[in-house]
PDB file of N, CA and C in Angstrom:
ATOM      1  N   MET A   1     219.108 268.127  20.343  1.00  0.00           N
ATOM      2  CA  MET A   1     219.207 267.307  21.550  1.00  0.00           C
ATOM      3  C   MET A   1     218.862 265.873  21.172  1.00  0.00           C
ATOM      4  N   SER A   2     219.676 264.935  21.640  1.00  0.00           N
ATOM      5  CA  SER A   2     219.433 263.537  21.294  1.00  0.00           C
ATOM      6  C   SER A   2     218.323 262.955  22.164  1.00  0.00           C
ATOM      7  N   ASP A   3     217.784 261.830  21.728  1.00  0.00           N
ATOM      8  CA  ASP A   3     216.696 261.185  22.468  1.00  0.00           C
ATOM      9  C   ASP A   3     217.132 260.662  23.829  1.00  0.00           C
ATOM     10  N   SER A   4     218.434 260.370  23.982  1.00  0.00           N
ATOM     11  CA  SER A   4     218.902 259.790  25.243  1.00  0.00           C
ATOM     12  C   SER A   4     219.001 260.831  26.356  1.00  0.00           C
ATOM     13  N   LYS A   5     219.014 262.109  25.985  1.00  0.00           N
ATOM     14  CA  LYS A   5     219.090 263.161  26.995  1.00  0.00           C
ATOM     15  C   LYS A   5     217.709 263.768  27.205  1.00  0.00           C
ATOM     16  N   THR A   6     217.439 264.183  28.427  1.00  0.00           N
ATOM     17  CA  THR A   6     216.164 264.836  28.711  1.00  0.00           C
ATOM     18  C   THR A   6     216.419 266.299  28.980  1.00  0.00           C
ATOM     19  N   ARG A   7     215.446 267.118  28.705  1.00  0.00           N
ATOM     20  CA  ARG A   7     215.555 268.542  28.989  1.00  0.00           C
ATOM     21  C   ARG A   7     215.371 268.788  30.474  1.00  0.00           C
ATOM     22  N   HIS A   8     215.997 269.831  30.951  1.00  0.00           N
ATOM     23  CA  HIS A   8     215.834 270.220  32.355  1.00  0.00           C
ATOM     24  C   HIS A   8     214.354 270.505  32.603  1.00  0.00           C
ATOM     25  N   GLY A   9     213.810 269.947  33.644  1.00  0.00           N
ATOM     26  CA  GLY A   9     212.400 270.155  33.947  1.00  0.00           C
ATOM     27  C   GLY A   9     211.522 268.993  33.521  1.00  0.00           C
ATOM     28  N   ASP A  10     212.044 268.115  32.684  1.00  0.00           N
ATOM     29  CA  ASP A  10     211.274 266.948  32.270  1.00  0.00           C
ATOM     30  C   ASP A  10     211.189 265.897  33.381  1.00  0.00           C
ATOM     31  N   ASN A  11     212.170 265.919  34.239  1.00  0.00           N
ATOM     32  CA  ASN A  11     212.189 264.947  35.336  1.00  0.00           C
ATOM     33  C   ASN A  11     211.325 265.455  36.480  1.00  0.00           C
ATOM     34  N   LYS A  12     210.398 264.630  36.929  1.00  0.00           N
ATOM     35  CA  LYS A  12     209.549 264.988  38.067  1.00  0.00           C
ATOM     36  C   LYS A  12     210.273 264.576  39.345  1.00  0.00           C
ATOM     37  N   ARG A  13     210.244 265.441  40.332  1.00  0.00           N
ATOM     38  CA  ARG A  13     210.854 265.122  41.619  1.00  0.00           C
ATOM     39  C   ARG A  13     209.911 264.206  42.365  1.00  0.00           C
ATOM     40  N   LYS A  14     210.432 263.085  42.817  1.00  0.00           N
ATOM     41  CA  LYS A  14     209.621 262.135  43.562  1.00  0.00           C
ATOM     42  C   LYS A  14     209.482 262.623  45.002  1.00  0.00           C
ATOM     43  N   LYS A  15     208.247 262.694  45.482  1.00  0.00           N
ATOM     44  CA  LYS A  15     208.012 263.109  46.857  1.00  0.00           C
ATOM     45  C   LYS A  15     208.240 261.935  47.792  1.00  0.00           C
ATOM     46  N   GLY A  16     208.764 262.233  48.961  1.00  0.00           N
ATOM     47  CA  GLY A  16     209.029 261.197  49.940  1.00  0.00           C
ATOM     48  C   GLY A  16     207.750 260.674  50.568  1.00  0.00           C
ATOM     49  N   THR A  17     207.845 259.479  51.067  1.00  0.00           N
ATOM     50  CA  THR A  17     206.697 258.910  51.772  1.00  0.00           C
ATOM     51  C   THR A  17     206.856 259.214  53.257  1.00  0.00           C
ATOM     52  N   PRO A  18     205.773 259.552  53.920  1.00  0.00           N
ATOM     53  CA  PRO A  18     205.853 259.873  55.353  1.00  0.00           C
ATOM     54  C   PRO A  18     206.365 258.687  56.170  1.00  0.00           C
ATOM     55  N   TRP A  19     207.059 259.000  57.235  1.00  0.00           N
ATOM     56  CA  TRP A  19     207.558 257.963  58.123  1.00  0.00           C
ATOM     57  C   TRP A  19     206.397 257.406  58.944  1.00  0.00           C
ATOM     58  N   THR A  20     206.400 256.103  59.111  1.00  0.00           N
ATOM     59  CA  THR A  20     205.383 255.468  59.944  1.00  0.00           C
ATOM     60  C   THR A  20     205.786 255.612  61.412  1.00  0.00           C
ATOM     61  N   GLU A  21     204.843 255.371  62.293  1.00  0.00           N
ATOM     62  CA  GLU A  21     205.152 255.405  63.728  1.00  0.00           C
ATOM     63  C   GLU A  21     206.198 254.357  64.075  1.00  0.00           C
ATOM     64  N   GLU A  22     206.098 253.198  63.442  1.00  0.00           N
ATOM     65  CA  GLU A  22     207.059 252.112  63.685  1.00  0.00           C
ATOM     66  C   GLU A  22     208.466 252.516  63.242  1.00  0.00           C
ATOM     67  N   GLU A  23     208.570 253.132  62.073  1.00  0.00           N
ATOM     68  CA  GLU A  23     209.882 253.591  61.596  1.00  0.00           C
ATOM     69  C   GLU A  23     210.466 254.628  62.550  1.00  0.00           C
ATOM     70  N   HIS A  24     209.638 255.540  63.034  1.00  0.00           N
ATOM     71  CA  HIS A  24     210.123 256.558  63.957  1.00  0.00           C
ATOM     72  C   HIS A  24     210.548 255.930  65.286  1.00  0.00           C
ATOM     73  N   ARG A  25     209.789 254.958  65.753  1.00  0.00           N
ATOM     74  CA  ARG A  25     210.157 254.259  66.991  1.00  0.00           C
ATOM     75  C   ARG A  25     211.512 253.561  66.815  1.00  0.00           C
ATOM     76  N   LEU A  26     211.699 252.901  65.662  1.00  0.00           N
ATOM     77  CA  LEU A  26     212.971 252.242  65.369  1.00  0.00           C
ATOM     78  C   LEU A  26     214.108 253.258  65.252  1.00  0.00           C
ATOM     79  N   PHE A  27     213.805 254.414  64.671  1.00  0.00           N
ATOM     80  CA  PHE A  27     214.790 255.488  64.563  1.00  0.00           C
ATOM     81  C   PHE A  27     215.260 255.907  65.957  1.00  0.00           C
ATOM     82  N   LEU A  28     214.325 256.101  66.877  1.00  0.00           N
ATOM     83  CA  LEU A  28     214.686 256.515  68.233  1.00  0.00           C
ATOM     84  C   LEU A  28     215.513 255.441  68.947  1.00  0.00           C
ATOM     85  N   ALA A  29     215.161 254.178  68.731  1.00  0.00           N
ATOM     86  CA  ALA A  29     215.933 253.080  69.325  1.00  0.00           C
ATOM     87  C   ALA A  29     217.350 253.065  68.753  1.00  0.00           C
ATOM     88  N   GLY A  30     217.468 253.270  67.449  1.00  0.00           N
ATOM     89  CA  GLY A  30     218.783 253.327  66.811  1.00  0.00           C
ATOM     90  C   GLY A  30     219.600 254.502  67.287  1.00  0.00           C
ATOM     91  N   LEU A  31     218.934 255.601  67.537  1.00  0.00           N
ATOM     92  CA  LEU A  31     219.606 256.801  68.025  1.00  0.00           C
ATOM     93  C   LEU A  31     220.182 256.566  69.424  1.00  0.00           C
ATOM     94  N   LYS A  32     219.450 255.816  70.247  1.00  0.00           N
ATOM     95  CA  LYS A  32     219.949 255.472  71.582  1.00  0.00           C
ATOM     96  C   LYS A  32     221.197 254.594  71.486  1.00  0.00           C
ATOM     97  N   GLU A  33     221.159 253.651  70.563  1.00  0.00           N
ATOM     98  CA  GLU A  33     222.253 252.683  70.405  1.00  0.00           C
ATOM     99  C   GLU A  33     223.493 253.304  69.753  1.00  0.00           C
ATOM    100  N   TYR A  34     223.306 254.059  68.681  1.00  0.00           N
ATOM    101  CA  TYR A  34     224.437 254.528  67.877  1.00  0.00           C
ATOM    102  C   TYR A  34     224.739 256.014  68.001  1.00  0.00           C
ATOM    103  N   LYS A  35     223.908 256.753  68.655  1.00  0.00           N
ATOM    104  CA  LYS A  35     224.098 258.194  68.853  1.00  0.00           C
ATOM    105  C   LYS A  35     223.947 258.974  67.551  1.00  0.00           C
ATOM    106  N   LYS A  36     223.890 260.275  67.703  1.00  0.00           N
ATOM    107  CA  LYS A  36     223.679 261.194  66.584  1.00  0.00           C
ATOM    108  C   LYS A  36     224.855 261.110  65.606  1.00  0.00           C
ATOM    109  N   GLY A  37     224.548 261.003  64.339  1.00  0.00           N
ATOM    110  CA  GLY A  37     225.573 261.037  63.307  1.00  0.00           C
ATOM    111  C   GLY A  37     225.872 259.707  62.644  1.00  0.00           C
ATOM    112  N   ASP A  38     225.559 258.608  63.308  1.00  0.00           N
ATOM    113  CA  ASP A  38     225.830 257.293  62.715  1.00  0.00           C
ATOM    114  C   ASP A  38     224.591 256.801  61.975  1.00  0.00           C
ATOM    115  N   TRP A  39     224.185 257.587  60.971  1.00  0.00           N
ATOM    116  CA  TRP A  39     222.944 257.313  60.237  1.00  0.00           C
ATOM    117  C   TRP A  39     223.021 256.006  59.456  1.00  0.00           C
ATOM    118  N   ARG A  40     224.204 255.671  58.968  1.00  0.00           N
ATOM    119  CA  ARG A  40     224.356 254.440  58.192  1.00  0.00           C
ATOM    120  C   ARG A  40     224.031 253.213  59.060  1.00  0.00           C
ATOM    121  N   SER A  41     224.551 253.188  60.273  1.00  0.00           N
ATOM    122  CA  SER A  41     224.276 252.051  61.170  1.00  0.00           C
ATOM    123  C   SER A  41     222.808 252.012  61.577  1.00  0.00           C
ATOM    124  N   ILE A  42     222.241 253.168  61.835  1.00  0.00           N
ATOM    125  CA  ILE A  42     220.821 253.226  62.214  1.00  0.00           C
ATOM    126  C   ILE A  42     219.955 252.704  61.079  1.00  0.00           C
ATOM    127  N   SER A  43     220.277 253.086  59.841  1.00  0.00           N
ATOM    128  CA  SER A  43     219.482 252.605  58.704  1.00  0.00           C
ATOM    129  C   SER A  43     219.753 251.133  58.422  1.00  0.00           C
ATOM    130  N   ARG A  44     220.957 250.684  58.668  1.00  0.00           N
ATOM    131  CA  ARG A  44     221.316 249.290  58.384  1.00  0.00           C
ATOM    132  C   ARG A  44     220.735 248.316  59.406  1.00  0.00           C
ATOM    133  N   TYR A  45     220.724 248.716  60.682  1.00  0.00           N
ATOM    134  CA  TYR A  45     220.330 247.775  61.734  1.00  0.00           C
ATOM    135  C   TYR A  45     218.986 248.058  62.402  1.00  0.00           C
ATOM    136  N   PHE A  46     218.447 249.235  62.199  1.00  0.00           N
ATOM    137  CA  PHE A  46     217.179 249.566  62.843  1.00  0.00           C
ATOM    138  C   PHE A  46     216.094 249.911  61.830  1.00  0.00           C
ATOM    139  N   VAL A  47     216.268 250.993  61.101  1.00  0.00           N
ATOM    140  CA  VAL A  47     215.247 251.428  60.138  1.00  0.00           C
ATOM    141  C   VAL A  47     215.668 250.915  58.753  1.00  0.00           C
ATOM    142  N   VAL A  48     215.505 249.627  58.540  1.00  0.00           N
ATOM    143  CA  VAL A  48     215.995 248.992  57.308  1.00  0.00           C
ATOM    144  C   VAL A  48     215.187 249.393  56.075  1.00  0.00           C
ATOM    145  N   THR A  49     214.047 250.031  56.283  1.00  0.00           N
ATOM    146  CA  THR A  49     213.206 250.469  55.171  1.00  0.00           C
ATOM    147  C   THR A  49     213.632 251.828  54.618  1.00  0.00           C
ATOM    148  N   ARG A  50     214.633 252.466  55.243  1.00  0.00           N
ATOM    149  CA  ARG A  50     215.093 253.797  54.830  1.00  0.00           C
ATOM    150  C   ARG A  50     216.604 253.787  54.598  1.00  0.00           C
ATOM    151  N   THR A  51     217.049 254.654  53.689  1.00  0.00           N
ATOM    152  CA  THR A  51     218.482 254.791  53.436  1.00  0.00           C
ATOM    153  C   THR A  51     219.110 255.667  54.516  1.00  0.00           C
ATOM    154  N   HIS A  52     220.447 255.647  54.586  1.00  0.00           N
ATOM    155  CA  HIS A  52     221.116 256.477  55.590  1.00  0.00           C
ATOM    156  C   HIS A  52     220.862 257.956  55.328  1.00  0.00           C
ATOM    157  N   THR A  53     220.687 258.342  54.068  1.00  0.00           N
ATOM    158  CA  THR A  53     220.386 259.734  53.733  1.00  0.00           C
ATOM    159  C   THR A  53     219.009 260.119  54.250  1.00  0.00           C
ATOM    160  N   GLN A  54     218.041 259.216  54.098  1.00  0.00           N
ATOM    161  CA  GLN A  54     216.691 259.481  54.594  1.00  0.00           C
ATOM    162  C   GLN A  54     216.673 259.562  56.118  1.00  0.00           C
ATOM    163  N   VAL A  55     217.468 258.717  56.773  1.00  0.00           N
ATOM    164  CA  VAL A  55     217.546 258.736  58.240  1.00  0.00           C
ATOM    165  C   VAL A  55     218.156 260.058  58.704  1.00  0.00           C
ATOM    166  N   ALA A  56     219.207 260.512  58.030  1.00  0.00           N
ATOM    167  CA  ALA A  56     219.845 261.784  58.385  1.00  0.00           C
ATOM    168  C   ALA A  56     218.877 262.948  58.186  1.00  0.00           C
ATOM    169  N   SER A  57     218.123 262.919  57.106  1.00  0.00           N
ATOM    170  CA  SER A  57     217.147 263.966  56.828  1.00  0.00           C
ATOM    171  C   SER A  57     216.050 263.977  57.887  1.00  0.00           C
ATOM    172  N   HIS A  58     215.595 262.798  58.273  1.00  0.00           N
ATOM    173  CA  HIS A  58     214.564 262.679  59.305  1.00  0.00           C
ATOM    174  C   HIS A  58     215.083 263.259  60.625  1.00  0.00           C
ATOM    175  N   ALA A  59     216.319 262.936  60.957  1.00  0.00           N
ATOM    176  CA  ALA A  59     216.910 263.439  62.198  1.00  0.00           C
ATOM    177  C   ALA A  59     217.000 264.965  62.173  1.00  0.00           C
ATOM    178  N   GLN A  60     217.394 265.504  61.034  1.00  0.00           N
ATOM    179  CA  GLN A  60     217.514 266.952  60.907  1.00  0.00           C
ATOM    180  C   GLN A  60     216.160 267.625  61.090  1.00  0.00           C
ATOM    181  N   LYS A  61     215.126 267.067  60.492  1.00  0.00           N
ATOM    182  CA  LYS A  61     213.780 267.632  60.625  1.00  0.00           C
ATOM    183  C   LYS A  61     213.296 267.551  62.064  1.00  0.00           C
ATOM    184  N   LYS A  62     213.520 266.412  62.703  1.00  0.00           N
ATOM    185  CA  LYS A  62     213.082 266.240  64.088  1.00  0.00           C
ATOM    186  C   LYS A  62     213.826 267.195  65.016  1.00  0.00           C
ATOM    187  N   TYR A  63     215.133 267.367  64.778  1.00  0.00           N
ATOM    188  CA  TYR A  63     215.924 268.271  65.606  1.00  0.00           C
ATOM    189  C   TYR A  63     215.442 269.712  65.417  1.00  0.00           C
ATOM    190  N   PHE A  64     215.211 270.107  64.164  1.00  0.00           N
ATOM    191  CA  PHE A  64     214.749 271.460  63.869  1.00  0.00           C
ATOM    192  C   PHE A  64     213.404 271.714  64.547  1.00  0.00           C
ATOM    193  N   ASN A  65     212.471 270.771  64.442  1.00  0.00           N
ATOM    194  CA  ASN A  65     211.153 270.943  65.059  1.00  0.00           C
ATOM    195  C   ASN A  65     211.250 271.011  66.577  1.00  0.00           C
ATOM    196  N   HIS A  66     212.146 270.211  67.152  1.00  0.00           N
ATOM    197  CA  HIS A  66     212.340 270.209  68.598  1.00  0.00           C
ATOM    198  C   HIS A  66     212.864 271.572  69.056  1.00  0.00           C
ATOM    199  N   GLN A  67     213.831 272.121  68.318  1.00  0.00           N
ATOM    200  CA  GLN A  67     214.392 273.429  68.659  1.00  0.00           C
ATOM    201  C   GLN A  67     213.337 274.517  68.537  1.00  0.00           C
ATOM    202  N   LYS A  68     212.493 274.417  67.512  1.00  0.00           N
ATOM    203  CA  LYS A  68     211.437 275.401  67.291  1.00  0.00           C
ATOM    204  C   LYS A  68     210.428 275.364  68.438  1.00  0.00           C
ATOM    205  N   GLU A  69     210.035 274.170  68.857  1.00  0.00           N
ATOM    206  CA  GLU A  69     209.090 274.028  69.972  1.00  0.00           C
ATOM    207  C   GLU A  69     209.689 274.583  71.260  1.00  0.00           C
ATOM    208  N   LYS A  70     210.955 274.295  71.481  1.00  0.00           N
ATOM    209  CA  LYS A  70     211.645 274.772  72.670  1.00  0.00           C
ATOM    210  C   LYS A  70     211.659 276.305  72.708  1.00  0.00           C
ATOM    211  N   LYS A  71     211.931 276.913  71.557  1.00  0.00           N
ATOM    212  CA  LYS A  71     211.964 278.371  71.452  1.00  0.00           C
ATOM    213  C   LYS A  71     210.576 278.961  71.704  1.00  0.00           C
ATOM    214  N   ASN A  72     209.550 278.335  71.153  1.00  0.00           N
ATOM    215  CA  ASN A  72     208.175 278.810  71.345  1.00  0.00           C
ATOM    216  C   ASN A  72     207.765 278.736  72.810  1.00  0.00           C
ATOM    217  N   LYS A  73     208.168 277.674  73.505  1.00  0.00           N
ATOM    218  CA  LYS A  73     207.849 277.537  74.926  1.00  0.00           C
ATOM    219  C   LYS A  73     208.515 278.655  75.732  1.00  0.00           C
ATOM    220  N   GLU A  74     209.772 278.968  75.359  1.00  0.00           N
ATOM    221  CA  GLU A  74     210.481 280.043  76.051  1.00  0.00           C
ATOM    222  C   GLU A  74     209.784 281.383  75.825  1.00  0.00           C
ATOM    223  N   ARG A  75     209.315 281.608  74.595  1.00  0.00           N
ATOM    224  CA  ARG A  75     208.609 282.849  74.280  1.00  0.00           C
ATOM    225  C   ARG A  75     207.316 282.959  75.073  1.00  0.00           C
ATOM    226  N   GLU A  76     206.580 281.850  75.170  1.00  0.00           N
ATOM    227  CA  GLU A  76     205.329 281.846  75.950  1.00  0.00           C
ATOM    228  C   GLU A  76     205.602 282.131  77.414  1.00  0.00           C
ATOM    229  N   LYS A  77     206.675 281.568  77.915  1.00  0.00           N
ATOM    230  CA  LYS A  77     207.058 281.763  79.313  1.00  0.00           C
ATOM    231  C   LYS A  77     207.340 283.238  79.580  1.00  0.00           C
ATOM    232  N   ILE A  78     208.084 283.866  78.666  1.00  0.00           N
ATOM    233  CA  ILE A  78     208.423 285.292  78.798  1.00  0.00           C
ATOM    234  C   ILE A  78     207.165 286.153  78.648  1.00  0.00           C
ATOM    235  N   LYS A  79     206.315 285.763  77.702  1.00  0.00           N
ATOM    236  CA  LYS A  79     205.095 286.517  77.398  1.00  0.00           C
ATOM    237  C   LYS A  79     204.190 286.624  78.625  1.00  0.00           C
ATOM    238  N   TYR A  80     204.081 285.559  79.395  1.00  0.00           N
ATOM    239  CA  TYR A  80     203.162 285.540  80.522  1.00  0.00           C
ATOM    240  C   TYR A  80     203.844 285.794  81.866  1.00  0.00           C
ATOM    241  N   SER A  81     205.091 286.206  81.834  1.00  0.00           N
ATOM    242  CA  SER A  81     205.801 286.497  83.092  1.00  0.00           C
ATOM    243  C   SER A  81     205.450 287.865  83.610  1.00  0.00           C
TER     244      SER A  81
END
């Protein structure tokens, strides 16, 4: 193996930095303006500290957590009925 190539596993995966409250607030404002799916515009004009890929990932996580909370509330409602 030459020096210019690295072995699989030599590269450390960089962990993401948590979103600040300000970034999340800007994300929500961008979401109101551009709607779901226009991550490039949201990152370009609102959350300028994040790439469009990071904005899309953030949206996916927030949507997943929202759906999970909604499901848990429904389960609690059924449980105590």
